[in-house]
PDB file of N, CA and C in Angstrom:
ATOM      1  N   MET A   1     -35.979 -36.610  35.640  1.00  0.00           N
ATOM      2  CA  MET A   1     -35.362 -35.960  34.503  1.00  0.00           C
ATOM      3  C   MET A   1     -35.419 -34.433  34.661  1.00  0.00           C
ATOM      4  N   LEU A   2     -36.541 -33.944  35.137  1.00  0.00           N
ATOM      5  CA  LEU A   2     -36.714 -32.513  35.318  1.00  0.00           C
ATOM      6  C   LEU A   2     -35.739 -31.981  36.370  1.00  0.00           C
ATOM      7  N   TYR A   3     -35.516 -32.765  37.428  1.00  0.00           N
ATOM      8  CA  TYR A   3     -34.578 -32.348  38.464  1.00  0.00           C
ATOM      9  C   TYR A   3     -33.146 -32.299  37.930  1.00  0.00           C
ATOM     10  N   LEU A   4     -32.801 -33.216  37.062  1.00  0.00           N
ATOM     11  CA  LEU A   4     -31.465 -33.232  36.478  1.00  0.00           C
ATOM     12  C   LEU A   4     -31.232 -31.979  35.646  1.00  0.00           C
ATOM     13  N   LEU A   5     -32.214 -31.590  34.838  1.00  0.00           N
ATOM     14  CA  LEU A   5     -32.097 -30.362  34.046  1.00  0.00           C
ATOM     15  C   LEU A   5     -32.013 -29.125  34.936  1.00  0.00           C
ATOM     16  N   ALA A   6     -32.757 -29.124  36.035  1.00  0.00           N
ATOM     17  CA  ALA A   6     -32.716 -27.995  36.962  1.00  0.00           C
ATOM     18  C   ALA A   6     -31.341 -27.895  37.625  1.00  0.00           C
ATOM     19  N   VAL A   7     -30.738 -29.019  37.993  1.00  0.00           N
ATOM     20  CA  VAL A   7     -29.412 -29.007  38.619  1.00  0.00           C
ATOM     21  C   VAL A   7     -28.372 -28.518  37.619  1.00  0.00           C
ATOM     22  N   ILE A   8     -28.430 -29.001  36.375  1.00  0.00           N
ATOM     23  CA  ILE A   8     -27.481 -28.564  35.349  1.00  0.00           C
ATOM     24  C   ILE A   8     -27.635 -27.062  35.099  1.00  0.00           C
ATOM     25  N   GLY A   9     -28.865 -26.573  35.033  1.00  0.00           N
ATOM     26  CA  GLY A   9     -29.109 -25.146  34.836  1.00  0.00           C
ATOM     27  C   GLY A   9     -28.589 -24.329  36.004  1.00  0.00           C
ATOM     28  N   ALA A  10     -28.793 -24.808  37.218  1.00  0.00           N
ATOM     29  CA  ALA A  10     -28.318 -24.089  38.403  1.00  0.00           C
ATOM     30  C   ALA A  10     -26.789 -24.047  38.417  1.00  0.00           C
ATOM     31  N   ILE A  11     -26.147 -25.142  38.056  1.00  0.00           N
ATOM     32  CA  ILE A  11     -24.682 -25.168  38.009  1.00  0.00           C
ATOM     33  C   ILE A  11     -24.177 -24.163  36.975  1.00  0.00           C
ATOM     34  N   CYS A  12     -24.814 -24.119  35.821  1.00  0.00           N
ATOM     35  CA  CYS A  12     -24.402 -23.159  34.784  1.00  0.00           C
ATOM     36  C   CYS A  12     -24.534 -21.719  35.278  1.00  0.00           C
ATOM     37  N   VAL A  13     -25.623 -21.414  35.935  1.00  0.00           N
ATOM     38  CA  VAL A  13     -25.827 -20.055  36.448  1.00  0.00           C
ATOM     39  C   VAL A  13     -24.796 -19.730  37.511  1.00  0.00           C
ATOM     40  N   ILE A  14     -24.497 -20.661  38.392  1.00  0.00           N
ATOM     41  CA  ILE A  14     -23.505 -20.423  39.450  1.00  0.00           C
ATOM     42  C   ILE A  14     -22.123 -20.188  38.847  1.00  0.00           C
ATOM     43  N   VAL A  15     -21.751 -20.996  37.857  1.00  0.00           N
ATOM     44  CA  VAL A  15     -20.437 -20.830  37.230  1.00  0.00           C
ATOM     45  C   VAL A  15     -20.349 -19.475  36.530  1.00  0.00           C
ATOM     46  N   LEU A  16     -21.388 -19.089  35.821  1.00  0.00           N
ATOM     47  CA  LEU A  16     -21.376 -17.799  35.136  1.00  0.00           C
ATOM     48  C   LEU A  16     -21.294 -16.635  36.123  1.00  0.00           C
ATOM     49  N   LEU A  17     -22.036 -16.706  37.203  1.00  0.00           N
ATOM     50  CA  LEU A  17     -21.972 -15.653  38.213  1.00  0.00           C
ATOM     51  C   LEU A  17     -20.605 -15.617  38.873  1.00  0.00           C
ATOM     52  N   TRP A  18     -20.023 -16.772  39.149  1.00  0.00           N
ATOM     53  CA  TRP A  18     -18.702 -16.818  39.760  1.00  0.00           C
ATOM     54  C   TRP A  18     -17.663 -16.198  38.830  1.00  0.00           C
ATOM     55  N   ARG A  19     -17.726 -16.544  37.539  1.00  0.00           N
ATOM     56  CA  ARG A  19     -16.772 -15.990  36.569  1.00  0.00           C
ATOM     57  C   ARG A  19     -16.948 -14.481  36.426  1.00  0.00           C
ATOM     58  N   ALA A  20     -18.185 -14.002  36.530  1.00  0.00           N
ATOM     59  CA  ALA A  20     -18.447 -12.585  36.329  1.00  0.00           C
ATOM     60  C   ALA A  20     -18.035 -11.736  37.532  1.00  0.00           C
ATOM     61  N   PHE A  21     -18.228 -12.243  38.748  1.00  0.00           N
ATOM     62  CA  PHE A  21     -18.037 -11.390  39.911  1.00  0.00           C
ATOM     63  C   PHE A  21     -16.877 -11.784  40.825  1.00  0.00           C
ATOM     64  N   VAL A  22     -16.494 -13.035  40.869  1.00  0.00           N
ATOM     65  CA  VAL A  22     -15.515 -13.480  41.845  1.00  0.00           C
ATOM     66  C   VAL A  22     -14.158 -13.746  41.218  1.00  0.00           C
ATOM     67  N   ALA A  23     -14.115 -14.340  40.069  1.00  0.00           N
ATOM     68  CA  ALA A  23     -12.845 -14.758  39.468  1.00  0.00           C
ATOM     69  C   ALA A  23     -11.950 -13.554  39.212  1.00  0.00           C
ATOM     70  N   ASN A  24     -10.687 -13.683  39.566  1.00  0.00           N
ATOM     71  CA  ASN A  24      -9.712 -12.623  39.365  1.00  0.00           C
ATOM     72  C   ASN A  24      -9.073 -12.824  37.990  1.00  0.00           C
ATOM     73  N   PRO A  25      -9.295 -11.914  37.043  1.00  0.00           N
ATOM     74  CA  PRO A  25      -8.746 -12.112  35.701  1.00  0.00           C
ATOM     75  C   PRO A  25      -7.224 -12.156  35.678  1.00  0.00           C
ATOM     76  N   ALA A  26      -6.552 -11.450  36.584  1.00  0.00           N
ATOM     77  CA  ALA A  26      -5.088 -11.468  36.602  1.00  0.00           C
ATOM     78  C   ALA A  26      -4.591 -12.852  36.989  1.00  0.00           C
ATOM     79  N   ALA A  27      -5.249 -13.488  37.944  1.00  0.00           N
ATOM     80  CA  ALA A  27      -4.839 -14.822  38.365  1.00  0.00           C
ATOM     81  C   ALA A  27      -5.127 -15.842  37.269  1.00  0.00           C
ATOM     82  N   VAL A  28      -6.196 -15.646  36.535  1.00  0.00           N
ATOM     83  CA  VAL A  28      -6.537 -16.562  35.447  1.00  0.00           C
ATOM     84  C   VAL A  28      -5.499 -16.457  34.342  1.00  0.00           C
ATOM     85  N   ASP A  29      -5.015 -15.240  34.047  1.00  0.00           N
ATOM     86  CA  ASP A  29      -4.022 -15.046  33.000  1.00  0.00           C
ATOM     87  C   ASP A  29      -2.689 -15.701  33.356  1.00  0.00           C
ATOM     88  N   GLU A  30      -2.339 -15.704  34.645  1.00  0.00           N
ATOM     89  CA  GLU A  30      -1.067 -16.297  35.060  1.00  0.00           C
ATOM     90  C   GLU A  30      -1.064 -17.800  34.864  1.00  0.00           C
ATOM     91  N   ARG A  31      -2.220 -18.420  34.982  1.00  0.00           N
ATOM     92  CA  ARG A  31      -2.291 -19.867  34.850  1.00  0.00           C
ATOM     93  C   ARG A  31      -2.318 -20.337  33.402  1.00  0.00           C
ATOM     94  N   ARG A  32      -2.615 -19.458  32.497  1.00  0.00           N
ATOM     95  CA  ARG A  32      -2.699 -19.850  31.088  1.00  0.00           C
ATOM     96  C   ARG A  32      -1.314 -20.123  30.525  1.00  0.00           C
ATOM     97  N   VAL A  33      -1.283 -21.053  29.602  1.00  0.00           N
ATOM     98  CA  VAL A  33      -0.027 -21.370  28.935  1.00  0.00           C
ATOM     99  C   VAL A  33       0.209 -20.311  27.864  1.00  0.00           C
ATOM    100  N   ASN A  34       1.420 -19.779  27.815  1.00  0.00           N
ATOM    101  CA  ASN A  34       1.744 -18.773  26.809  1.00  0.00           C
ATOM    102  C   ASN A  34       1.946 -19.458  25.464  1.00  0.00           C
ATOM    103  N   ARG A  35       0.993 -19.274  24.606  1.00  0.00           N
ATOM    104  CA  ARG A  35       1.099 -19.824  23.262  1.00  0.00           C
ATOM    105  C   ARG A  35       1.706 -18.770  22.352  1.00  0.00           C
ATOM    106  N   PRO A  36       2.390 -19.203  21.313  1.00  0.00           N
ATOM    107  CA  PRO A  36       2.917 -18.202  20.374  1.00  0.00           C
ATOM    108  C   PRO A  36       1.768 -17.450  19.727  1.00  0.00           C
ATOM    109  N   THR A  37       2.016 -16.183  19.519  1.00  0.00           N
ATOM    110  CA  THR A  37       0.966 -15.362  18.931  1.00  0.00           C
ATOM    111  C   THR A  37       0.850 -15.644  17.442  1.00  0.00           C
ATOM    112  N   ARG A  38      -0.298 -15.373  16.930  1.00  0.00           N
ATOM    113  CA  ARG A  38      -0.550 -15.571  15.523  1.00  0.00           C
ATOM    114  C   ARG A  38       0.175 -14.483  14.720  1.00  0.00           C
ATOM    115  N   PRO A  39       0.767 -14.845  13.600  1.00  0.00           N
ATOM    116  CA  PRO A  39       1.446 -13.804  12.826  1.00  0.00           C
ATOM    117  C   PRO A  39       0.449 -12.747  12.363  1.00  0.00           C
ATOM    118  N   THR A  40       0.896 -11.523  12.401  1.00  0.00           N
ATOM    119  CA  THR A  40       0.005 -10.437  12.017  1.00  0.00           C
ATOM    120  C   THR A  40      -0.013 -10.274  10.512  1.00  0.00           C
ATOM    121  N   ARG A  41      -1.123  -9.817  10.022  1.00  0.00           N
ATOM    122  CA  ARG A  41      -1.247  -9.553   8.594  1.00  0.00           C
ATOM    123  C   ARG A  41      -0.500  -8.277   8.253  1.00  0.00           C
ATOM    124  N   PRO A  42       0.086  -8.239   7.077  1.00  0.00           N
ATOM    125  CA  PRO A  42       0.684  -6.962   6.672  1.00  0.00           C
ATOM    126  C   PRO A  42      -0.418  -5.927   6.494  1.00  0.00           C
ATOM    127  N   SER A  43      -0.084  -4.704   6.771  1.00  0.00           N
ATOM    128  CA  SER A  43      -1.101  -3.660   6.674  1.00  0.00           C
ATOM    129  C   SER A  43      -1.566  -3.527   5.232  1.00  0.00           C
ATOM    130  N   ARG A  44      -2.809  -3.196   5.109  1.00  0.00           N
ATOM    131  CA  ARG A  44      -3.392  -3.073   3.769  1.00  0.00           C
ATOM    132  C   ARG A  44      -2.866  -1.834   3.076  1.00  0.00           C
ATOM    133  N   ARG A  45      -2.666  -1.985   1.785  1.00  0.00           N
ATOM    134  CA  ARG A  45      -2.283  -0.823   0.994  1.00  0.00           C
ATOM    135  C   ARG A  45      -3.499   0.080   0.864  1.00  0.00           C
ATOM    136  N   PRO A  46      -3.283   1.365   0.768  1.00  0.00           N
ATOM    137  CA  PRO A  46      -4.437   2.242   0.579  1.00  0.00           C
ATOM    138  C   PRO A  46      -5.100   1.936  -0.765  1.00  0.00           C
ATOM    139  N   ALA A  47      -6.385   2.060  -0.793  1.00  0.00           N
ATOM    140  CA  ALA A  47      -7.129   1.781  -2.017  1.00  0.00           C
ATOM    141  C   ALA A  47      -6.743   2.781  -3.090  1.00  0.00           C
ATOM    142  N   PRO A  48      -6.710   2.333  -4.332  1.00  0.00           N
ATOM    143  CA  PRO A  48      -6.359   3.281  -5.393  1.00  0.00           C
ATOM    144  C   PRO A  48      -7.393   4.395  -5.477  1.00  0.00           C
ATOM    145  N   MET A  49      -6.911   5.576  -5.755  1.00  0.00           N
ATOM    146  CA  MET A  49      -7.782   6.738  -5.820  1.00  0.00           C
ATOM    147  C   MET A  49      -8.243   6.922  -7.268  1.00  0.00           C
ATOM    148  N   ALA A  50      -9.492   7.202  -7.442  1.00  0.00           N
ATOM    149  CA  ALA A  50     -10.025   7.442  -8.780  1.00  0.00           C
ATOM    150  C   ALA A  50      -9.422   8.733  -9.329  1.00  0.00           C
ATOM    151  N   PRO A  51      -9.224   8.810 -10.646  1.00  0.00           N
ATOM    152  CA  PRO A  51      -8.606  10.012 -11.215  1.00  0.00           C
ATOM    153  C   PRO A  51      -9.372  11.298 -10.920  1.00  0.00           C
ATOM    154  N   ASP A  52     -10.682  11.224 -10.868  1.00  0.00           N
ATOM    155  CA  ASP A  52     -11.439  12.446 -10.627  1.00  0.00           C
ATOM    156  C   ASP A  52     -11.388  12.875  -9.153  1.00  0.00           C
ATOM    157  N   ASP A  53     -10.822  12.034  -8.272  1.00  0.00           N
ATOM    158  CA  ASP A  53     -10.668  12.390  -6.863  1.00  0.00           C
ATOM    159  C   ASP A  53      -9.241  12.803  -6.525  1.00  0.00           C
ATOM    160  N   ASP A  54      -8.318  12.598  -7.450  1.00  0.00           N
ATOM    161  CA  ASP A  54      -6.911  12.856  -7.190  1.00  0.00           C
ATOM    162  C   ASP A  54      -6.545  14.278  -7.596  1.00  0.00           C
ATOM    163  N   PRO A  55      -6.202  15.138  -6.633  1.00  0.00           N
ATOM    164  CA  PRO A  55      -5.909  16.536  -6.978  1.00  0.00           C
ATOM    165  C   PRO A  55      -4.685  16.668  -7.881  1.00  0.00           C
ATOM    166  N   GLU A  56      -3.688  15.793  -7.711  1.00  0.00           N
ATOM    167  CA  GLU A  56      -2.508  15.875  -8.572  1.00  0.00           C
ATOM    168  C   GLU A  56      -2.867  15.571 -10.024  1.00  0.00           C
ATOM    169  N   PHE A  57      -3.716  14.587 -10.227  1.00  0.00           N
ATOM    170  CA  PHE A  57      -4.129  14.246 -11.585  1.00  0.00           C
ATOM    171  C   PHE A  57      -4.913  15.397 -12.210  1.00  0.00           C
ATOM    172  N   LEU A  58      -5.808  15.995 -11.450  1.00  0.00           N
ATOM    173  CA  LEU A  58      -6.593  17.108 -11.980  1.00  0.00           C
ATOM    174  C   LEU A  58      -5.696  18.293 -12.315  1.00  0.00           C
ATOM    175  N   ARG A  59      -4.696  18.539 -11.479  1.00  0.00           N
ATOM    176  CA  ARG A  59      -3.765  19.627 -11.740  1.00  0.00           C
ATOM    177  C   ARG A  59      -2.967  19.347 -13.020  1.00  0.00           C
ATOM    178  N   SER A  60      -2.572  18.082 -13.210  1.00  0.00           N
ATOM    179  CA  SER A  60      -1.815  17.752 -14.421  1.00  0.00           C
ATOM    180  C   SER A  60      -2.691  17.881 -15.665  1.00  0.00           C
ATOM    181  N   LEU A  61      -3.973  17.577 -15.547  1.00  0.00           N
ATOM    182  CA  LEU A  61      -4.872  17.775 -16.688  1.00  0.00           C
ATOM    183  C   LEU A  61      -4.967  19.251 -17.054  1.00  0.00           C
ATOM    184  N   LYS A  62      -5.054  20.089 -16.032  1.00  0.00           N
ATOM    185  CA  LYS A  62      -5.145  21.526 -16.284  1.00  0.00           C
ATOM    186  C   LYS A  62      -3.862  22.008 -16.956  1.00  0.00           C
ATOM    187  N   ASP A  63      -2.717  21.514 -16.508  1.00  0.00           N
ATOM    188  CA  ASP A  63      -1.443  21.908 -17.109  1.00  0.00           C
ATOM    189  C   ASP A  63      -1.332  21.399 -18.540  1.00  0.00           C
ATOM    190  N   ARG A  64      -1.830  20.190 -18.788  1.00  0.00           N
ATOM    191  CA  ARG A  64      -1.761  19.647 -20.150  1.00  0.00           C
ATOM    192  C   ARG A  64      -2.711  20.389 -21.091  1.00  0.00           C
ATOM    193  N   LYS A  65      -3.847  20.809 -20.555  1.00  0.00           N
ATOM    194  CA  LYS A  65      -4.832  21.498 -21.392  1.00  0.00           C
ATOM    195  C   LYS A  65      -4.337  22.898 -21.748  1.00  0.00           C
ATOM    196  N   ASN A  66      -3.717  23.576 -20.810  1.00  0.00           N
ATOM    197  CA  ASN A  66      -3.219  24.934 -21.016  1.00  0.00           C
ATOM    198  C   ASN A  66      -1.705  24.966 -20.780  1.00  0.00           C
ATOM    199  N   PRO A  67      -0.916  24.462 -21.735  1.00  0.00           N
ATOM    200  CA  PRO A  67       0.535  24.485 -21.512  1.00  0.00           C
ATOM    201  C   PRO A  67       1.067  25.911 -21.600  1.00  0.00           C
ATOM    202  N   PRO A  68       2.054  26.244 -20.796  1.00  0.00           N
ATOM    203  CA  PRO A  68       2.613  27.600 -20.881  1.00  0.00           C
ATOM    204  C   PRO A  68       3.389  27.764 -22.198  1.00  0.00           C
ATOM    205  N   ASP A  69       3.075  28.824 -22.916  1.00  0.00           N
ATOM    206  CA  ASP A  69       3.758  29.108 -24.179  1.00  0.00           C
ATOM    207  C   ASP A  69       5.000  29.944 -23.906  1.00  0.00           C
ATOM    208  N   ALA A  70       6.013  29.712 -24.722  1.00  0.00           N
ATOM    209  CA  ALA A  70       7.227  30.497 -24.592  1.00  0.00           C
ATOM    210  C   ALA A  70       6.999  31.937 -25.046  1.00  0.00           C
ATOM    211  N   ASP A  71       6.076  32.134 -25.995  1.00  0.00           N
ATOM    212  CA  ASP A  71       5.799  33.472 -26.529  1.00  0.00           C
ATOM    213  C   ASP A  71       4.658  34.165 -25.799  1.00  0.00           C
ATOM    214  N   ASP A  72       4.093  33.531 -24.789  1.00  0.00           N
ATOM    215  CA  ASP A  72       2.933  34.057 -24.053  1.00  0.00           C
ATOM    216  C   ASP A  72       1.751  34.318 -24.986  1.00  0.00           C
ATOM    217  N   LYS A  73       1.616  33.492 -26.009  1.00  0.00           N
ATOM    218  CA  LYS A  73       0.474  33.577 -26.912  1.00  0.00           C
ATOM    219  C   LYS A  73      -0.479  32.452 -26.617  1.00  0.00           C
ATOM    220  N   GLN A  74      -1.721  32.727 -26.778  1.00  0.00           N
ATOM    221  CA  GLN A  74      -2.723  31.696 -26.611  1.00  0.00           C
ATOM    222  C   GLN A  74      -2.805  30.880 -27.906  1.00  0.00           C
ATOM    223  N   PRO A  75      -2.964  29.567 -27.804  1.00  0.00           N
ATOM    224  CA  PRO A  75      -3.104  28.755 -29.005  1.00  0.00           C
ATOM    225  C   PRO A  75      -4.435  29.069 -29.697  1.00  0.00           C
ATOM    226  N   PRO A  76      -4.480  28.933 -31.006  1.00  0.00           N
ATOM    227  CA  PRO A  76      -5.751  29.221 -31.697  1.00  0.00           C
ATOM    228  C   PRO A  76      -6.812  28.215 -31.285  1.00  0.00           C
ATOM    229  N   ALA A  77      -8.036  28.696 -31.200  1.00  0.00           N
ATOM    230  CA  ALA A  77      -9.138  27.859 -30.759  1.00  0.00           C
ATOM    231  C   ALA A  77      -9.733  27.051 -31.865  1.00  0.00           C
TER     232      ALA A  77
END
């Protein structure tokens, strides 16, 4: 039984070494069957930006807080 395990282990090591150093990957690719590729996922939408991180939102808040007056007068506080 011990000899059988040793032979199986030796075969595994030989196959791994052969695949790592001797096998030509280009030749292996030519023998493979061309399967259809898996459909790609649509690209993810960018995550929504929080209002306090959005410069456009902050700018609009500033404009809403201090609207330009036609008379160039400041509103009463």
